[in-house]
C-alpha atoms as a PDB file:
ATOM      1  CA  MET A   1      -0.364   0.245   0.212  1.00  0.00           C
ATOM      2  CA  SER A   2       1.314   3.484  -1.036  1.00  0.00           C
ATOM      3  CA  SER A   3       2.277   5.814   2.043  1.00  0.00           C
ATOM      4  CA  ALA A   4      -0.162   8.301   0.239  1.00  0.00           C
ATOM      5  CA  LEU A   5      -3.190   5.697   0.431  1.00  0.00           C
ATOM      6  CA  ALA A   6      -2.124   3.890   3.467  1.00  0.00           C
ATOM      7  CA  ARG A   7      -2.277   7.623   5.046  1.00  0.00           C
ATOM      8  CA  VAL A   8      -5.777   8.333   3.872  1.00  0.00           C
ATOM      9  CA  PHE A   9      -6.939   4.660   4.751  1.00  0.00           C
ATOM     10  CA  GLU A  10      -5.509   4.791   8.487  1.00  0.00           C
ATOM     11  CA  ALA A  11      -7.334   8.714   8.643  1.00  0.00           C
ATOM     12  CA  THR A  12     -10.795   6.974   7.945  1.00  0.00           C
ATOM     13  CA  GLU A  13     -10.884   4.757  10.139  1.00  0.00           C
ATOM     14  CA  GLU A  14     -10.147   7.078  12.701  1.00  0.00           C
ATOM     15  CA  ALA A  15     -12.707   8.731  11.591  1.00  0.00           C
ATOM     16  CA  ASN A  16     -14.666   6.622  12.166  1.00  0.00           C
ATOM     17  CA  ARG A  17     -13.518   5.749  15.705  1.00  0.00           C
ATOM     18  CA  VAL A  18     -14.456   9.330  16.722  1.00  0.00           C
ATOM     19  CA  ALA A  19     -18.042   9.008  14.733  1.00  0.00           C
ATOM     20  CA  ILE A  20     -18.419   6.748  17.523  1.00  0.00           C
ATOM     21  CA  LEU A  21     -17.497   8.530  20.409  1.00  0.00           C
ATOM     22  CA  ARG A  22     -19.611  10.926  18.961  1.00  0.00           C
ATOM     23  CA  ALA A  23     -22.284   8.886  18.947  1.00  0.00           C
ATOM     24  CA  LEU A  24     -21.964   7.702  22.427  1.00  0.00           C
ATOM     25  CA  SER A  25     -21.652  11.071  23.748  1.00  0.00           C
ATOM     26  CA  ARG A  26     -24.851  11.019  26.465  1.00  0.00           C
ATOM     27  CA  PRO A  27     -25.795   9.349  29.351  1.00  0.00           C
ATOM     28  CA  ILE A  28     -25.203   5.463  29.307  1.00  0.00           C
ATOM     29  CA  ASP A  29     -26.962   3.803  32.417  1.00  0.00           C
ATOM     30  CA  GLY A  30     -25.075  -0.007  32.799  1.00  0.00           C
ATOM     31  CA  PRO A  31     -22.287  -1.685  32.247  1.00  0.00           C
ATOM     32  CA  MET A  32     -20.679  -1.958  28.212  1.00  0.00           C
ATOM     33  CA  LEU A  33     -19.659  -5.107  25.833  1.00  0.00           C
ATOM     34  CA  ASP A  34     -17.703  -4.178  23.344  1.00  0.00           C
ATOM     35  CA  ILE A  35     -18.354  -7.752  20.451  1.00  0.00           C
ATOM     36  CA  GLY A  36     -15.096  -7.486  18.630  1.00  0.00           C
ATOM     37  CA  PRO A  37     -12.524  -6.153  20.829  1.00  0.00           C
ATOM     38  CA  HIS A  38      -9.126  -6.943  18.728  1.00  0.00           C
ATOM     39  CA  GLN A  39      -6.606  -6.055  21.946  1.00  0.00           C
ATOM     40  CA  GLY A  40      -8.813  -3.368  23.320  1.00  0.00           C
ATOM     41  CA  HIS A  41      -7.139  -0.117  22.705  1.00  0.00           C
ATOM     42  CA  PHE A  42     -10.960   1.392  21.146  1.00  0.00           C
ATOM     43  CA  THR A  43     -12.818  -0.510  23.939  1.00  0.00           C
ATOM     44  CA  GLU A  44     -10.500   1.700  26.345  1.00  0.00           C
ATOM     45  CA  ARG A  45     -11.797   5.131  24.734  1.00  0.00           C
ATOM     46  CA  VAL A  46     -15.037   4.400  24.510  1.00  0.00           C
ATOM     47  CA  ALA A  47     -15.311   3.348  27.805  1.00  0.00           C
ATOM     48  CA  ARG A  48     -13.638   6.881  28.840  1.00  0.00           C
ATOM     49  CA  GLN A  49     -15.762   8.419  26.708  1.00  0.00           C
ATOM     50  CA  ILE A  50     -19.410   6.998  28.220  1.00  0.00           C
ATOM     51  CA  GLY A  51     -17.480   6.952  31.793  1.00  0.00           C
ATOM     52  CA  THR A  52     -17.486   3.293  33.067  1.00  0.00           C
ATOM     53  CA  LYS A  53     -14.939   0.500  34.393  1.00  0.00           C
ATOM     54  CA  ASP A  54     -17.431  -2.438  34.047  1.00  0.00           C
ATOM     55  CA  VAL A  55     -16.661  -3.389  30.319  1.00  0.00           C
ATOM     56  CA  ARG A  56     -17.066  -6.540  28.610  1.00  0.00           C
ATOM     57  CA  GLY A  57     -16.226  -8.554  25.732  1.00  0.00           C
ATOM     58  CA  VAL A  58     -16.361 -11.057  22.696  1.00  0.00           C
ATOM     59  CA  GLU A  59     -13.396 -12.096  20.920  1.00  0.00           C
ATOM     60  CA  LEU A  60     -12.673 -14.622  18.716  1.00  0.00           C
ATOM     61  CA  ILE A  61      -9.403 -14.772  18.203  1.00  0.00           C
ATOM     62  CA  ALA A  62      -7.020 -15.934  21.538  1.00  0.00           C
ATOM     63  CA  ASP A  63      -4.171 -14.051  20.946  1.00  0.00           C
ATOM     64  CA  HIS A  64      -6.379 -10.933  20.962  1.00  0.00           C
ATOM     65  CA  VAL A  65      -7.996 -12.068  24.136  1.00  0.00           C
ATOM     66  CA  ALA A  66      -4.735 -11.756  25.981  1.00  0.00           C
ATOM     67  CA  GLU A  67      -3.906  -8.593  25.004  1.00  0.00           C
ATOM     68  CA  ALA A  68      -7.403  -7.011  26.598  1.00  0.00           C
ATOM     69  CA  ARG A  69      -7.641  -8.922  29.382  1.00  0.00           C
ATOM     70  CA  SER A  70      -4.355  -7.082  30.472  1.00  0.00           C
ATOM     71  CA  ARG A  71      -6.123  -3.623  30.212  1.00  0.00           C
ATOM     72  CA  GLY A  72      -8.514  -4.542  32.424  1.00  0.00           C
ATOM     73  CA  ILE A  73     -11.103  -5.727  30.014  1.00  0.00           C
ATOM     74  CA  GLU A  74     -13.145  -8.937  31.383  1.00  0.00           C
ATOM     75  CA  VAL A  75     -13.027 -10.480  27.718  1.00  0.00           C
ATOM     76  CA  THR A  76     -14.357 -13.560  26.540  1.00  0.00           C
ATOM     77  CA  LEU A  77     -13.514 -15.973  23.863  1.00  0.00           C
ATOM     78  CA  GLY A  78     -16.074 -17.001  21.430  1.00  0.00           C
ATOM     79  CA  ASP A  79     -17.831 -17.261  18.310  1.00  0.00           C
ATOM     80  CA  VAL A  80     -21.055 -14.167  17.719  1.00  0.00           C
ATOM     81  CA  ASP A  81     -22.923 -16.968  15.695  1.00  0.00           C
ATOM     82  CA  ASP A  82     -22.801 -18.997  18.935  1.00  0.00           C
ATOM     83  CA  GLY A  83     -24.917 -16.020  20.411  1.00  0.00           C
ATOM     84  CA  LEU A  84     -23.909 -14.238  23.834  1.00  0.00           C
ATOM     85  CA  PRO A  85     -22.805 -15.563  26.646  1.00  0.00           C
ATOM     86  CA  PHE A  86     -24.393 -13.343  28.601  1.00  0.00           C
ATOM     87  CA  GLU A  87     -27.720 -12.431  30.760  1.00  0.00           C
ATOM     88  CA  ASP A  88     -30.190 -10.859  29.101  1.00  0.00           C
ATOM     89  CA  GLU A  89     -30.754  -7.192  30.201  1.00  0.00           C
ATOM     90  CA  THR A  90     -27.288  -6.788  31.126  1.00  0.00           C
ATOM     91  CA  PHE A  91     -25.502  -3.982  29.514  1.00  0.00           C
ATOM     92  CA  GLY A  92     -26.285  -0.193  28.447  1.00  0.00           C
ATOM     93  CA  VAL A  93     -24.329  -0.191  25.652  1.00  0.00           C
ATOM     94  CA  VAL A  94     -23.548  -2.643  23.234  1.00  0.00           C
ATOM     95  CA  LEU A  95     -20.439  -1.409  20.510  1.00  0.00           C
ATOM     96  CA  ALA A  96     -19.549  -3.975  17.568  1.00  0.00           C
ATOM     97  CA  ASN A  97     -17.684  -2.073  15.471  1.00  0.00           C
ATOM     98  CA  GLN A  98     -16.464  -3.577  12.212  1.00  0.00           C
ATOM     99  CA  VAL A  99     -17.351  -6.758  13.030  1.00  0.00           C
ATOM    100  CA  ILE A 100     -20.706  -7.175  11.636  1.00  0.00           C
ATOM    101  CA  GLU A 101     -19.240  -7.929   7.845  1.00  0.00           C
ATOM    102  CA  HIS A 102     -17.409 -10.857   9.642  1.00  0.00           C
ATOM    103  CA  VAL A 103     -20.718 -12.440  11.594  1.00  0.00           C
ATOM    104  CA  ARG A 104     -22.753 -15.280   9.151  1.00  0.00           C
ATOM    105  CA  ARG A 105     -25.886 -15.859  11.696  1.00  0.00           C
ATOM    106  CA  THR A 106     -26.316 -11.537  11.112  1.00  0.00           C
ATOM    107  CA  ASP A 107     -30.504 -12.127  12.693  1.00  0.00           C
ATOM    108  CA  LEU A 108     -28.887 -13.700  15.538  1.00  0.00           C
ATOM    109  CA  PHE A 109     -26.615 -11.414  16.088  1.00  0.00           C
ATOM    110  CA  MET A 110     -28.630  -7.838  16.111  1.00  0.00           C
ATOM    111  CA  LYS A 111     -31.507 -10.582  17.950  1.00  0.00           C
ATOM    112  CA  GLU A 112     -28.897 -11.257  20.642  1.00  0.00           C
ATOM    113  CA  ILE A 113     -27.613  -7.611  21.300  1.00  0.00           C
ATOM    114  CA  ARG A 114     -31.371  -6.491  22.018  1.00  0.00           C
ATOM    115  CA  ARG A 115     -31.294  -9.608  24.181  1.00  0.00           C
ATOM    116  CA  VAL A 116     -28.132  -8.381  26.330  1.00  0.00           C
ATOM    117  CA  LEU A 117     -29.301  -4.999  26.033  1.00  0.00           C
ATOM    118  CA  LYS A 118     -31.019  -3.109  29.024  1.00  0.00           C
ATOM    119  CA  PRO A 119     -34.251  -0.659  27.474  1.00  0.00           C
ATOM    120  CA  GLY A 120     -33.559   2.419  26.949  1.00  0.00           C
ATOM    121  CA  GLY A 121     -29.450   1.489  26.528  1.00  0.00           C
ATOM    122  CA  PHE A 122     -27.407   1.862  23.145  1.00  0.00           C
ATOM    123  CA  ALA A 123     -25.982  -0.206  20.310  1.00  0.00           C
ATOM    124  CA  CYS A 124     -23.286   1.563  17.962  1.00  0.00           C
ATOM    125  CA  ILE A 125     -22.935  -0.647  15.269  1.00  0.00           C
ATOM    126  CA  SER A 126     -20.155   0.786  11.945  1.00  0.00           C
ATOM    127  CA  THR A 127     -19.313  -1.113   9.385  1.00  0.00           C
ATOM    128  CA  ASN A 128     -18.053  -0.677   5.339  1.00  0.00           C
ATOM    129  CA  ASN A 129     -20.788   0.792   3.276  1.00  0.00           C
ATOM    130  CA  LEU A 130     -21.853  -1.434   0.274  1.00  0.00           C
ATOM    131  CA  SER A 131     -22.861   1.368  -1.246  1.00  0.00           C
ATOM    132  CA  SER A 132     -19.870   4.114  -0.620  1.00  0.00           C
ATOM    133  CA  TRP A 133     -18.411   5.076  -4.615  1.00  0.00           C
ATOM    134  CA  HIS A 134     -15.130   3.323  -4.163  1.00  0.00           C
ATOM    135  CA  ASN A 135     -17.285   0.046  -4.253  1.00  0.00           C
ATOM    136  CA  VAL A 136     -19.367   1.321  -6.947  1.00  0.00           C
ATOM    137  CA  PHE A 137     -16.636   1.794  -9.334  1.00  0.00           C
ATOM    138  CA  SER A 138     -14.742  -1.429  -8.573  1.00  0.00           C
ATOM    139  CA  LEU A 139     -18.176  -3.146  -9.898  1.00  0.00           C
ATOM    140  CA  ALA A 140     -18.332  -0.680 -13.043  1.00  0.00           C
ATOM    141  CA  LEU A 141     -14.983  -1.946 -13.609  1.00  0.00           C
ATOM    142  CA  GLY A 142     -15.566  -5.623 -13.805  1.00  0.00           C
ATOM    143  CA  HIS A 143     -13.765  -5.260 -10.114  1.00  0.00           C
ATOM    144  CA  GLN A 144     -14.579  -6.982  -6.886  1.00  0.00           C
ATOM    145  CA  PRO A 145     -15.594  -4.359  -4.319  1.00  0.00           C
ATOM    146  CA  MET A 146     -12.659  -4.036  -1.810  1.00  0.00           C
ATOM    147  CA  PRO A 147     -14.409  -4.953   1.295  1.00  0.00           C
ATOM    148  CA  ILE A 148     -16.092  -8.131  -0.016  1.00  0.00           C
ATOM    149  CA  HIS A 149     -13.931 -11.181  -0.002  1.00  0.00           C
ATOM    150  CA  VAL A 150     -13.756 -14.520  -1.903  1.00  0.00           C
ATOM    151  CA  SER A 151     -10.735 -16.188   0.052  1.00  0.00           C
ATOM    152  CA  ASP A 152     -10.410 -17.096   3.459  1.00  0.00           C
ATOM    153  CA  GLU A 153      -6.306 -17.014   2.681  1.00  0.00           C
ATOM    154  CA  LYS A 154      -5.931 -13.911   0.782  1.00  0.00           C
ATOM    155  CA  ILE A 155      -7.377 -10.599  -0.628  1.00  0.00           C
ATOM    156  CA  ILE A 156      -7.953 -11.000  -4.767  1.00  0.00           C
ATOM    157  CA  GLY A 157     -10.028 -10.118  -7.724  1.00  0.00           C
ATOM    158  CA  ASN A 158      -8.816  -6.116  -7.873  1.00  0.00           C
ATOM    159  CA  PRO A 159      -6.161  -4.691  -9.121  1.00  0.00           C
ATOM    160  CA  LEU A 160      -7.044  -1.217  -7.779  1.00  0.00           C
ATOM    161  CA  ASN A 161      -7.167  -2.756  -4.395  1.00  0.00           C
ATOM    162  CA  PRO A 162      -4.031  -1.533  -2.192  1.00  0.00           C
ATOM    163  CA  GLU A 163      -4.334  -4.646  -0.453  1.00  0.00           C
ATOM    164  CA  ASN A 164      -4.248  -6.939  -3.218  1.00  0.00           C
ATOM    165  CA  GLY A 165      -2.697 -10.119  -3.301  1.00  0.00           C
ATOM    166  CA  LEU A 166      -2.188  -9.721   0.383  1.00  0.00           C
ATOM    167  CA  GLU A 167      -3.212 -12.335   2.715  1.00  0.00           C
ATOM    168  CA  HIS A 168      -5.326 -12.277   5.981  1.00  0.00           C
ATOM    169  CA  GLU A 169      -4.213 -10.771   8.821  1.00  0.00           C
ATOM    170  CA  ASP A 170      -5.295 -13.364  11.023  1.00  0.00           C
ATOM    171  CA  LEU A 171      -8.612 -16.015  11.586  1.00  0.00           C
ATOM    172  CA  GLY A 172     -11.800 -14.474  11.504  1.00  0.00           C
ATOM    173  CA  ARG A 173     -10.539 -10.720   8.972  1.00  0.00           C
ATOM    174  CA  THR A 174     -12.854 -12.204   6.088  1.00  0.00           C
ATOM    175  CA  HIS A 175     -15.610 -10.203   5.649  1.00  0.00           C
ATOM    176  CA  LEU A 176     -18.233 -12.165   4.648  1.00  0.00           C
ATOM    177  CA  ARG A 177     -22.023  -9.568   4.256  1.00  0.00           C
ATOM    178  CA  LEU A 178     -21.687  -6.425   3.257  1.00  0.00           C
ATOM    179  CA  PHE A 179     -24.437  -3.855   4.434  1.00  0.00           C
ATOM    180  CA  THR A 180     -25.976  -0.463   2.819  1.00  0.00           C
ATOM    181  CA  THR A 181     -26.685   2.398   5.629  1.00  0.00           C
ATOM    182  CA  ARG A 182     -30.943   1.309   4.591  1.00  0.00           C
ATOM    183  CA  ALA A 183     -30.043  -2.658   5.013  1.00  0.00           C
ATOM    184  CA  LEU A 184     -28.466  -2.395   8.180  1.00  0.00           C
ATOM    185  CA  VAL A 185     -30.632  -0.024  10.041  1.00  0.00           C
ATOM    186  CA  GLU A 186     -33.433  -2.144   8.779  1.00  0.00           C
ATOM    187  CA  LEU A 187     -31.883  -5.308   9.568  1.00  0.00           C
ATOM    188  CA  GLY A 188     -31.933  -3.986  12.948  1.00  0.00           C
ATOM    189  CA  GLU A 189     -35.241  -2.469  13.234  1.00  0.00           C
ATOM    190  CA  LEU A 190     -36.571  -5.761  11.694  1.00  0.00           C
ATOM    191  CA  HIS A 191     -35.610  -7.354  15.472  1.00  0.00           C
ATOM    192  CA  GLY A 192     -36.391  -4.271  17.568  1.00  0.00           C
ATOM    193  CA  LEU A 193     -33.615  -2.556  17.671  1.00  0.00           C
ATOM    194  CA  ARG A 194     -34.519   1.635  16.332  1.00  0.00           C
ATOM    195  CA  ALA A 195     -32.132   3.775  14.451  1.00  0.00           C
ATOM    196  CA  VAL A 196     -31.855   6.881  16.104  1.00  0.00           C
ATOM    197  CA  ASP A 197     -28.552   8.683  14.741  1.00  0.00           C
ATOM    198  CA  VAL A 198     -27.302   7.201  11.526  1.00  0.00           C
ATOM    199  CA  LYS A 199     -24.380   8.896   9.291  1.00  0.00           C
ATOM    200  CA  THR A 200     -22.000   7.981   7.119  1.00  0.00           C
ATOM    201  CA  VAL A 201     -17.861   8.986   7.754  1.00  0.00           C
ATOM    202  CA  GLY A 202     -15.043   8.970   5.022  1.00  0.00           C
ATOM    203  CA  TYR A 203     -15.149   9.744   1.382  1.00  0.00           C
ATOM    204  CA  TYR A 204     -12.197   6.705  -0.259  1.00  0.00           C
ATOM    205  CA  PRO A 205      -9.946   8.785  -2.047  1.00  0.00           C
ATOM    206  CA  LEU A 206     -10.274  12.136  -0.451  1.00  0.00           C
ATOM    207  CA  PRO A 207      -8.320  13.426   2.429  1.00  0.00           C
ATOM    208  CA  PRO A 208     -10.109  13.616   5.927  1.00  0.00           C
ATOM    209  CA  ARG A 209     -11.027  17.585   6.002  1.00  0.00           C
ATOM    210  CA  ALA A 210     -12.269  16.526   1.743  1.00  0.00           C
ATOM    211  CA  ALA A 211     -14.228  13.911   2.833  1.00  0.00           C
ATOM    212  CA  ALA A 212     -15.806  15.493   5.718  1.00  0.00           C
ATOM    213  CA  ARG A 213     -17.697  17.880   3.253  1.00  0.00           C
ATOM    214  CA  ALA A 214     -18.567  15.101   0.927  1.00  0.00           C
ATOM    215  CA  VAL A 215     -20.142  13.028   3.224  1.00  0.00           C
ATOM    216  CA  LYS A 216     -22.384  16.046   4.636  1.00  0.00           C
ATOM    217  CA  ILE A 217     -23.458  16.904   0.545  1.00  0.00           C
ATOM    218  CA  ASP A 218     -23.450  12.993  -0.391  1.00  0.00           C
ATOM    219  CA  PRO A 219     -23.813  10.799   3.033  1.00  0.00           C
ATOM    220  CA  ARG A 220     -25.357   7.890   1.110  1.00  0.00           C
ATOM    221  CA  HIS A 221     -21.882   7.078  -0.703  1.00  0.00           C
ATOM    222  CA  GLY A 222     -19.879   7.751   2.556  1.00  0.00           C
ATOM    223  CA  ALA A 223     -17.020   4.347   3.361  1.00  0.00           C
ATOM    224  CA  TYR A 224     -18.177   3.374   6.370  1.00  0.00           C
ATOM    225  CA  THR A 225     -22.091   3.709   8.369  1.00  0.00           C
ATOM    226  CA  VAL A 226     -22.316   4.428  11.654  1.00  0.00           C
ATOM    227  CA  ALA A 227     -25.767   3.560  13.092  1.00  0.00           C
ATOM    228  CA  LEU A 228     -27.070   3.953  16.902  1.00  0.00           C
ATOM    229  CA  PHE A 229     -29.685   1.553  18.056  1.00  0.00           C
ATOM    230  CA  THR A 230     -32.041   1.418  20.836  1.00  0.00           C
ATOM    231  CA  ARG A 231     -34.496  -0.816  22.435  1.00  0.00           C
END
């Protein structure tokens, strides 16, 4: 990946994280669950934002579990396709940042989020936006959209993708389902989660300031969707 593209990618990832923090800038009652906390770096930022030290997580990859636990996060090793190992109405906040695209049983995923969420609690779900322009243009050229993976071993199908030909970094990175913003909102609503704040963030290949202006004019084609739900 070129250094310029790498900077845009990293800046857009951070813009997505900042949008999540802003979405959760409201009073929260109860502990927090992070689905897919990875090594816990962003989990810590969200916990500070909402003012809780009662933070739990579910993570698929054992090495990441150990790192997140070292940060004081109570992480369970597990696969969310098997459900969430928590009691009903436990959490004031449920976070799933760039996780749902990895999940096979997305109906169960939403049902389980609603089940473990307290009434009046918030679930923030962020994911790649299938209708972003870099995906639309890729299809128009006959290439695989960049976030849609067809191999569990390597990223293939789009010579314009800076990661084309690279191996997936670790087990669980493969994207199985991609959502438009509308589809994500409707899936949540289908399973009893009401969208209260929905936005898109980033606008490839534009750098952050230009992307922020572009996404205000054309939110339908932003790079990431950040959706805040309640029950």
